[in-house]
Protein backbone atom coordinates (compact mmCIF):
# COMPACT_ATOMS: atom_id res chain seq x y z
CA MET A 1 156.46 139.47 43.45
CA LEU A 2 155.08 142.86 44.43
CA ARG A 3 153.54 141.37 47.59
CA VAL A 4 156.84 139.84 48.64
CA LEU A 5 158.64 143.15 48.24
CA ILE A 6 155.98 144.96 50.30
CA ALA A 7 156.25 142.35 53.06
CA LEU A 8 160.04 142.66 53.20
CA ALA A 9 159.77 146.43 53.39
CA LEU A 10 157.29 146.32 56.27
CA THR A 11 159.45 143.82 58.16
CA CYS A 12 162.45 146.08 57.86
CA LEU A 13 160.40 149.02 59.17
CA LEU A 14 158.88 147.11 62.14
CA GLN A 15 162.03 145.40 63.42
CA PRO A 16 163.70 148.62 64.68
CA ALA A 17 160.53 149.56 66.59
CA PHE A 18 160.37 146.17 68.31
CA ALA A 19 164.11 146.28 68.96
CA ASP A 20 163.75 149.67 70.70
CA GLU A 21 160.86 148.36 72.79
CA ARG A 22 162.89 145.25 73.66
CA ALA A 23 165.87 147.37 74.76
CA GLN A 24 163.65 149.58 76.92
CA THR A 25 161.95 146.54 78.49
CA GLN A 26 165.32 144.93 79.14
CA GLN A 27 166.50 148.08 80.97
CA GLN A 28 163.38 148.01 83.15
CA LEU A 29 163.91 144.34 83.83
CA ASP A 30 167.56 144.89 84.86
CA ALA A 31 166.52 147.75 87.17
CA THR A 32 163.82 145.59 88.75
CA ARG A 33 166.26 142.70 89.27
CA GLN A 34 168.68 145.07 90.98
CA ASP A 35 165.87 146.33 93.28
CA ILE A 36 164.91 142.72 94.12
CA ALA A 37 168.52 141.83 94.93
CA GLU A 38 168.75 144.79 97.31
CA LEU A 39 165.41 143.91 98.90
CA LYS A 40 166.53 140.32 99.41
CA LYS A 41 169.66 141.55 101.15
CA LEU A 42 167.54 143.74 103.44
CA LEU A 43 165.08 140.89 104.05
CA SER A 44 167.95 138.55 104.89
CA LYS A 45 169.22 141.10 107.39
CA VAL A 46 165.73 141.42 108.91
CA GLN A 47 165.48 137.62 109.16
CA GLU A 48 168.80 137.58 111.04
CA GLU A 49 167.45 140.26 113.37
CA LYS A 50 164.27 138.23 113.73
CA SER A 51 166.32 135.19 114.72
CA GLY A 52 167.98 137.30 117.42
CA VAL A 53 164.62 138.62 118.59
CA GLN A 54 163.27 135.06 118.63
CA LYS A 55 166.09 134.12 121.01
CA ASP A 56 165.25 137.16 123.15
CA LEU A 57 161.57 136.20 122.95
CA LYS A 58 162.42 132.70 124.16
CA GLY A 59 164.36 134.10 127.10
CA THR A 60 161.67 136.67 127.89
CA GLU A 61 158.78 134.22 127.82
CA THR A 62 160.76 131.62 129.80
CA GLU A 63 161.48 134.32 132.41
CA MET A 64 157.78 135.28 132.39
CA GLY A 65 156.90 131.67 133.19
CA LYS A 66 159.37 131.62 136.11
CA LEU A 67 158.07 134.95 137.44
CA GLU A 68 154.48 133.71 137.25
CA LYS A 69 155.55 130.69 139.28
CA GLN A 70 157.29 132.90 141.86
CA VAL A 71 154.24 135.17 142.14
CA ASP A 72 152.03 132.12 142.73
CA ALA A 73 154.41 130.82 145.42
CA LEU A 74 154.51 134.22 147.16
CA GLN A 75 150.72 134.40 147.17
CA LYS A 76 150.56 130.99 148.84
CA GLU A 77 153.12 132.07 151.47
CA LEU A 78 151.10 135.24 152.01
CA LYS A 79 147.97 133.18 152.72
CA LYS A 80 149.91 130.99 155.17
CA SER A 81 151.22 134.08 157.00
CA GLU A 82 147.73 135.55 157.22
CA SER A 83 146.37 132.25 158.61
CA GLU A 84 149.17 132.13 161.20
CA LEU A 85 148.41 135.72 162.15
CA GLN A 86 144.75 134.87 162.69
CA ARG A 87 145.73 131.88 164.84
CA LEU A 88 148.06 134.00 166.99
CA ASP A 89 145.36 136.66 167.34
CA GLY A 90 142.90 134.01 168.59
CA GLU A 91 145.48 132.72 171.08
CA LYS A 92 146.08 136.28 172.26
CA LYS A 93 142.37 136.76 172.93
CA LYS A 94 142.21 133.51 174.94
CA LEU A 95 145.22 134.55 177.06
CA GLN A 96 143.71 137.99 177.65
CA SER A 97 140.48 136.36 178.88
CA ALA A 98 142.48 134.04 181.17
CA ARG A 99 144.44 137.01 182.53
CA ILE A 100 141.27 138.94 183.35
CA GLU A 101 139.76 135.90 185.14
CA GLN A 102 142.98 135.28 187.11
CA GLN A 103 143.11 138.96 188.12
CA ARG A 104 139.55 138.70 189.40
CA LEU A 105 140.29 135.61 191.52
CA ILE A 106 143.51 137.10 192.93
CA ALA A 107 141.62 140.28 193.82
CA ILE A 108 138.98 138.25 195.73
CA GLN A 109 141.64 136.36 197.67
CA ALA A 110 143.59 139.53 198.43
CA ARG A 111 140.46 141.22 199.74
CA ALA A 112 139.61 138.25 201.98
CA ALA A 113 143.15 138.10 203.32
CA TYR A 114 143.09 141.80 204.07
CA GLN A 115 139.78 141.52 205.98
CA ASN A 116 140.88 138.51 208.09
CA GLY A 117 144.44 139.65 208.66
CA ARG A 118 146.36 137.34 211.00
CA GLN A 119 143.81 137.32 213.94
CA GLU A 120 142.44 133.80 213.34
CA TYR A 121 145.96 132.39 213.32
CA LEU A 122 146.82 134.19 216.61
CA LYS A 123 143.60 132.94 218.22
CA LEU A 124 144.57 129.39 217.35
CA LEU A 125 147.92 129.83 219.04
CA LEU A 126 146.34 131.26 222.22
CA ASN A 127 143.41 128.82 222.37
CA GLN A 128 144.87 125.32 222.59
CA GLN A 129 141.95 123.62 224.34
CA ASN A 130 141.18 121.43 221.30
CA PRO A 131 144.50 120.18 219.80
CA GLU A 132 142.83 118.17 216.98
CA LYS A 133 140.86 121.16 215.73
CA PHE A 134 143.98 123.33 216.02
CA ALA A 135 146.05 120.96 213.80
CA ARG A 136 143.27 120.60 211.22
CA THR A 137 142.83 124.36 210.96
CA LEU A 138 146.59 124.91 210.48
CA THR A 139 146.48 122.42 207.59
CA TYR A 140 143.61 124.34 205.98
CA TYR A 141 145.59 127.56 206.27
CA ASP A 142 148.59 125.94 204.59
CA TYR A 143 146.43 124.69 201.71
CA LEU A 144 144.94 128.16 201.25
CA SER A 145 148.41 129.76 201.14
CA GLN A 146 149.63 127.22 198.60
CA ALA A 147 146.56 127.86 196.41
CA ARG A 148 147.26 131.58 196.52
CA LEU A 149 150.91 131.05 195.51
CA GLU A 150 149.89 128.66 192.68
CA GLN A 151 147.37 131.19 191.37
CA LEU A 152 150.01 133.94 191.38
CA LYS A 153 152.41 131.62 189.57
CA ASN A 154 149.78 130.83 186.88
CA PHE A 155 149.05 134.53 186.49
CA ASN A 156 152.73 135.29 185.92
CA GLU A 157 152.96 132.43 183.38
CA THR A 158 149.92 133.80 181.55
CA LEU A 159 151.54 137.24 181.38
CA ARG A 160 154.73 135.66 180.01
CA GLN A 161 152.88 133.69 177.33
CA LEU A 162 150.87 136.77 176.38
CA ALA A 163 154.09 138.76 175.92
CA ASN A 164 155.55 135.98 173.71
CA VAL A 165 152.40 135.83 171.58
CA GLU A 166 152.39 139.61 171.13
CA LYS A 167 156.05 139.39 170.10
CA ASP A 168 155.22 136.59 167.58
CA ILE A 169 152.36 138.68 166.21
CA SER A 170 154.70 141.64 165.67
CA MET A 171 157.25 139.42 163.89
CA GLN A 172 154.53 137.80 161.75
CA GLN A 173 153.14 141.22 160.76
CA ALA A 174 156.63 142.41 159.79
CA GLN A 175 157.19 139.25 157.74
CA LEU A 176 153.80 139.77 156.09
CA LEU A 177 154.77 143.30 155.05
CA VAL A 178 158.06 142.03 153.59
CA GLN A 179 156.25 139.31 151.61
CA LYS A 180 153.70 141.81 150.26
CA SER A 181 156.48 144.17 149.21
CA SER A 182 158.34 141.32 147.48
CA LEU A 183 155.13 140.24 145.73
CA ASP A 184 154.50 143.78 144.46
CA SER A 185 158.09 143.99 143.17
CA GLN A 186 157.76 140.66 141.33
CA ARG A 187 154.48 141.78 139.76
CA ASP A 188 156.01 145.08 138.63
CA GLU A 189 158.97 143.25 137.10
CA LEU A 190 156.59 140.83 135.35
CA ASP A 191 154.54 143.70 133.88
CA LYS A 192 157.72 145.38 132.65
CA VAL A 193 158.92 142.18 130.95
CA ARG A 194 155.50 141.74 129.33
CA GLN A 195 155.53 145.28 127.91
CA GLU A 196 159.05 144.86 126.50
CA ARG A 197 158.06 141.58 124.88
CA GLN A 198 154.94 143.09 123.27
CA LYS A 199 156.86 146.08 121.87
CA ALA A 200 159.67 143.95 120.41
CA LEU A 201 157.23 141.45 118.89
CA ALA A 202 155.02 144.15 117.34
CA LYS A 203 157.99 145.99 115.80
CA LEU A 204 159.46 142.77 114.42
CA ASN A 205 156.19 141.60 112.85
CA ASP A 206 155.50 145.01 111.26
CA ASP A 207 159.01 145.24 109.78
CA VAL A 208 158.98 141.71 108.31
CA LYS A 209 155.45 142.12 106.96
CA ALA A 210 156.29 145.40 105.17
CA ARG A 211 159.45 144.01 103.59
CA ASP A 212 157.76 140.77 102.53
CA GLN A 213 154.99 142.73 100.80
CA LYS A 214 157.47 144.97 99.00
CA LEU A 215 159.57 142.01 97.85
CA ALA A 216 156.48 140.15 96.61
CA ALA A 217 155.43 143.21 94.57
CA ARG A 218 158.91 143.52 93.06
CA GLU A 219 159.03 139.84 92.14
CA GLN A 220 155.63 140.15 90.46
CA ASP A 221 156.94 143.13 88.47
CA GLN A 222 159.96 141.09 87.39
CA ALA A 223 157.73 138.21 86.28
CA ASP A 224 155.52 140.57 84.25
CA LEU A 225 158.50 142.27 82.58
CA SER A 226 160.08 138.90 81.76
CA LYS A 227 156.81 137.83 80.20
CA VAL A 228 156.66 140.97 78.02
CA LEU A 229 160.31 140.57 77.01
CA LYS A 230 159.72 136.93 76.07
CA THR A 231 156.71 137.94 74.01
CA ILE A 232 158.74 140.57 72.16
CA GLU A 233 161.57 138.11 71.47
CA GLU A 234 159.11 135.53 70.16
CA THR A 235 157.49 138.15 67.94
CA LEU A 236 160.86 139.24 66.49
CA ALA A 237 161.85 135.63 65.82
CA ARG A 238 158.54 134.91 64.16
CA GLN A 239 158.80 138.03 62.00
CA ALA A 240 162.31 137.01 60.92
CA ARG A 241 161.05 133.57 59.89
CA GLU A 242 158.01 135.02 58.15
CA ALA A 243 159.88 137.80 56.32
CA GLU A 244 159.21 136.11 52.98
CA GLU A 245 155.47 135.75 53.56
CA ALA A 246 152.83 138.01 52.15
CA ARG A 247 152.00 141.49 53.50
CA GLN A 248 148.65 140.41 54.91
CA LYS A 249 150.15 137.64 57.09
CA ALA A 250 152.79 140.07 58.43
CA LEU A 251 150.11 142.62 59.36
CA ILE A 252 147.97 139.95 61.06
CA ALA A 253 150.97 138.74 63.06
CA GLN A 254 151.73 142.31 64.16
CA GLN A 255 148.11 142.90 65.19
CA GLU A 256 147.99 139.66 67.21
CA ALA A 257 151.21 140.55 68.99
CA GLU A 258 149.89 144.02 69.79
CA LYS A 259 146.57 142.62 71.04
CA LYS A 260 148.39 140.15 73.27
CA ARG A 261 150.55 142.89 74.74
CA LEU A 262 147.54 145.13 75.36
CA ARG A 263 145.60 142.27 76.93
CA GLU A 264 148.44 141.45 79.29
CA ALA A 265 148.87 145.12 80.16
CA GLN A 266 145.11 145.39 80.82
CA GLU A 267 145.15 142.26 82.98
CA GLN A 268 148.09 143.67 84.94
CA ALA A 269 146.30 147.01 85.34
CA ASP A 270 143.13 145.21 86.53
CA ALA A 271 145.18 143.14 88.97
CA ASN A 272 146.84 146.28 90.38
CA THR A 273 143.53 148.15 90.79
CA ASP A 274 141.68 145.30 92.53
CA ALA A 275 141.24 146.14 96.25
CA PRO A 276 142.60 143.48 98.62
CA ARG A 277 139.84 141.36 99.97
CA LYS A 278 139.40 141.29 103.69
CA PRO A 279 139.40 137.78 105.10
CA ALA A 280 136.01 136.63 106.17
CA LYS A 281 135.42 136.70 109.88
CA PRO A 282 135.63 133.17 111.21
CA THR A 283 132.46 131.90 112.82
CA PRO A 284 132.78 131.11 116.54
CA GLY A 285 133.92 127.53 117.12
CA ALA A 286 132.30 124.91 119.34
CA LEU A 287 132.65 125.05 123.13
CA VAL A 288 134.81 122.33 124.71
CA SER A 289 135.20 121.32 128.36
CA SER A 290 137.82 119.64 130.53
CA SER A 291 135.22 118.52 133.09
CA GLY A 292 133.89 115.01 133.43
CA GLU A 293 135.44 111.68 134.29
CA THR A 294 138.94 110.77 133.13
CA PHE A 295 139.69 107.60 131.17
CA GLY A 296 141.94 105.14 132.93
CA GLY A 297 142.44 102.49 130.24
CA ALA A 298 145.03 102.28 127.47
CA PHE A 299 145.26 105.34 125.24
CA ALA A 300 144.51 103.28 122.13
CA SER A 301 141.08 102.46 123.64
CA ALA A 302 140.32 106.08 124.60
CA ARG A 303 138.89 107.24 121.25
CA GLY A 304 135.92 109.54 121.94
CA LYS A 305 136.27 109.16 125.75
CA LEU A 306 138.91 111.75 126.70
CA PRO A 307 138.13 115.17 128.23
CA TRP A 308 139.50 118.29 126.55
CA PRO A 309 142.58 119.83 128.21
CA VAL A 310 140.92 123.20 128.99
CA ASP A 311 137.52 124.89 129.00
CA GLY A 312 137.12 127.19 125.99
CA ARG A 313 136.03 127.59 122.38
CA LEU A 314 137.66 126.07 119.28
CA LEU A 315 139.40 128.72 117.18
CA ALA A 316 140.88 126.34 114.57
CA ARG A 317 140.02 122.74 113.73
CA PHE A 318 142.22 119.89 112.57
CA GLY A 319 142.91 120.03 108.83
CA GLU A 320 141.74 123.63 108.32
CA SER A 321 143.91 126.11 106.41
CA ARG A 322 146.22 128.21 108.59
CA GLY A 323 145.34 131.83 107.82
CA ASP A 324 145.21 132.85 104.13
CA ASP A 325 147.73 130.24 102.97
CA ALA A 326 145.79 127.19 101.75
CA ARG A 327 149.03 125.21 101.47
CA THR A 328 149.46 124.90 105.23
CA LYS A 329 146.97 122.98 107.37
CA TRP A 330 146.40 122.71 111.13
CA ASP A 331 147.78 119.43 112.55
CA GLY A 332 145.94 120.03 115.83
CA VAL A 333 143.37 122.48 117.26
CA MET A 334 143.50 125.94 118.84
CA ILE A 335 141.32 126.48 121.93
CA SER A 336 140.57 130.03 123.11
CA ALA A 337 140.78 130.35 126.92
CA SER A 338 141.55 132.96 129.58
CA ALA A 339 145.21 133.62 130.33
CA GLY A 340 146.34 131.68 133.40
CA SER A 341 143.65 128.96 133.06
CA GLN A 342 144.78 125.53 134.20
CA VAL A 343 145.70 123.07 131.40
CA HIS A 344 144.99 119.42 132.32
CA ALA A 345 146.55 116.22 130.99
CA VAL A 346 143.87 114.41 128.93
CA HIS A 347 145.39 111.04 129.87
CA GLY A 348 148.06 109.72 132.23
CA GLY A 349 151.63 109.70 130.92
CA ARG A 350 155.20 110.95 131.30
CA VAL A 351 156.53 114.42 130.40
CA VAL A 352 159.12 114.01 127.62
CA PHE A 353 159.45 117.74 126.76
CA ALA A 354 158.79 120.92 128.79
CA ASP A 355 160.56 123.97 127.36
CA TRP A 356 160.29 126.87 124.92
CA LEU A 357 160.13 125.92 121.21
CA ARG A 358 160.09 128.31 118.26
CA GLY A 359 156.57 128.60 116.82
CA ALA A 360 154.96 126.82 119.79
CA GLY A 361 156.27 128.95 122.71
CA LEU A 362 156.28 127.19 126.08
CA LEU A 363 155.40 123.60 125.13
CA VAL A 364 154.61 120.40 127.07
CA ILE A 365 154.67 116.97 125.37
CA LEU A 366 153.30 113.87 127.14
CA ASP A 367 154.15 110.27 126.17
CA HIS A 368 151.18 107.93 126.72
CA GLY A 369 152.93 104.76 125.52
CA ASN A 370 152.57 102.65 122.36
CA GLY A 371 153.50 105.59 120.11
CA PHE A 372 150.83 108.02 121.38
CA LEU A 373 151.82 111.63 122.24
CA SER A 374 149.79 114.70 123.26
CA LEU A 375 151.10 118.28 122.75
CA TYR A 376 150.13 121.47 124.64
CA GLY A 377 151.62 124.75 123.28
CA HIS A 378 151.62 128.56 123.68
CA ASN A 379 151.51 128.23 127.50
CA GLN A 380 152.10 131.01 130.00
CA THR A 381 153.69 128.82 132.72
CA LEU A 382 155.01 125.25 132.76
CA LEU A 383 154.02 123.39 135.94
CA LYS A 384 155.86 120.16 135.10
CA SER A 385 159.39 119.22 134.04
CA ALA A 386 160.77 116.57 131.68
CA GLY A 387 160.67 113.15 133.35
CA ASP A 388 157.65 113.91 135.59
CA VAL A 389 154.87 111.31 135.64
CA VAL A 390 151.39 112.87 135.53
CA LYS A 391 147.91 111.50 136.09
CA ALA A 392 144.88 112.07 133.90
CA GLY A 393 143.32 115.44 134.75
CA GLU A 394 146.44 116.73 136.54
CA SER A 395 147.42 120.39 135.87
CA ILE A 396 150.55 120.57 133.69
CA SER A 397 150.61 124.24 132.58
CA THR A 398 148.59 127.47 132.29
CA VAL A 399 147.11 129.07 129.15
CA GLY A 400 149.10 131.95 127.62
CA ASN A 401 150.19 133.51 124.32
CA SER A 402 153.87 132.55 124.13
CA GLY A 403 155.52 131.84 120.80
CA GLY A 404 154.33 135.06 119.14
CA GLN A 405 150.54 134.68 119.56
CA ASP A 406 148.38 137.82 119.86
CA THR A 407 145.67 136.38 122.12
CA PRO A 408 145.67 133.68 124.85
CA ALA A 409 144.91 130.24 123.38
CA LEU A 410 146.06 126.63 123.77
CA TYR A 411 147.52 124.60 120.89
CA PHE A 412 146.47 120.96 121.44
CA ALA A 413 147.52 118.06 119.21
CA ILE A 414 147.61 114.27 119.31
CA ARG A 415 150.15 112.15 117.40
CA GLN A 416 149.86 108.44 116.69
CA GLN A 417 153.02 106.65 115.55
CA GLY A 418 154.51 109.96 114.40
CA HIS A 419 151.41 111.03 112.41
CA PRO A 420 148.95 113.80 113.45
CA SER A 421 145.49 112.64 114.51
CA ASP A 422 142.32 114.75 114.89
CA PRO A 423 141.82 115.54 118.64
CA ALA A 424 138.06 115.79 118.06
CA GLN A 425 138.01 112.04 117.39
CA TRP A 426 139.63 111.34 120.78
CA CYS A 427 137.94 113.90 123.03
CA ARG A 428 134.30 113.82 124.06
CA ALA A 429 131.86 115.71 121.83
CA GLN A 430 130.21 118.69 123.48
CA GLY A 431 126.46 118.77 123.50
């Protein structure tokens, strides 16, 4: 009887203390929930801003691809103009040589005519003893005069052609200067667009990352407080049910509850003090090459015979975890390559998609028939359009970092009947 009375007295004394702790924990939990709600509102706003920036990013990177194409076209025109200028300069040199030679011949004839004057012709008129010789000599004189006139005519034509060539050279040089100026302007505009894209992308990623980390910390706090509150409520319920038990059982229950709370608090403290582990540096991947013979048979028979789309090194393999999140896996491969490198079709097919896509940037998708597709993402420039038919080994794009990537690399994937397939099983192994 005495033990029962003691147990009841202790229960009455302990319940207010647990009730106060429960009320205080509940207040903390409500405050944390309010903070999380506000953070979610802010994060939602940031996600909306991110969606807007993604649209801007799509427009910017699409414009970058067009500008790269224009720069390439201007460079080709510049080379044509320079070749034409060299051709005109060679023609000018030939005409100048012809002019000098014609001047020399005209000078010789003029000197001979000056020395002879008209005496021989007068002698022929006065000496008519041999009529046949007289007629033949007159004919020779006529031929000589015609030759002199023809040479003067050729000389004048050479001077005219030389003047036209010099005029063409001047026009070609002016056109060359205009093309160089236009090329420099396009390059400056491209650099400006690149800088704006990098700034916007960096700011967006930093903002989202900071808010995600803060929200994750708040949600963890809420989970911990809910756990403590649940423990307190379970302890109070158990004490109410065990109010009629002996003093020793009530003390043991209190000690167990206290130990559990301390253990959870210690685990939380240990979790908060642990330094974040730096991700291990990935080992360099295998080198791959786009060189070698192409495969001309059906795609289904090409397993292990296809070349890789670009020369480079594998950054991520099929089936590996994407970053620190083990829940997401790579459904293709990432190949590190220099920006602007040519990307080649691994097999002949038809372009079914060539545009910007969120997460993949500037993307090309080829249909090889019988349910086989190949994908090429994060490009800098698209060289083909939807509907184009391409041959194996033909250039379809250039390597870039579109779609939010930090470094130039090519995303390459193969799909078979709608399911991802490991590209390493289709492309030739590198020795």
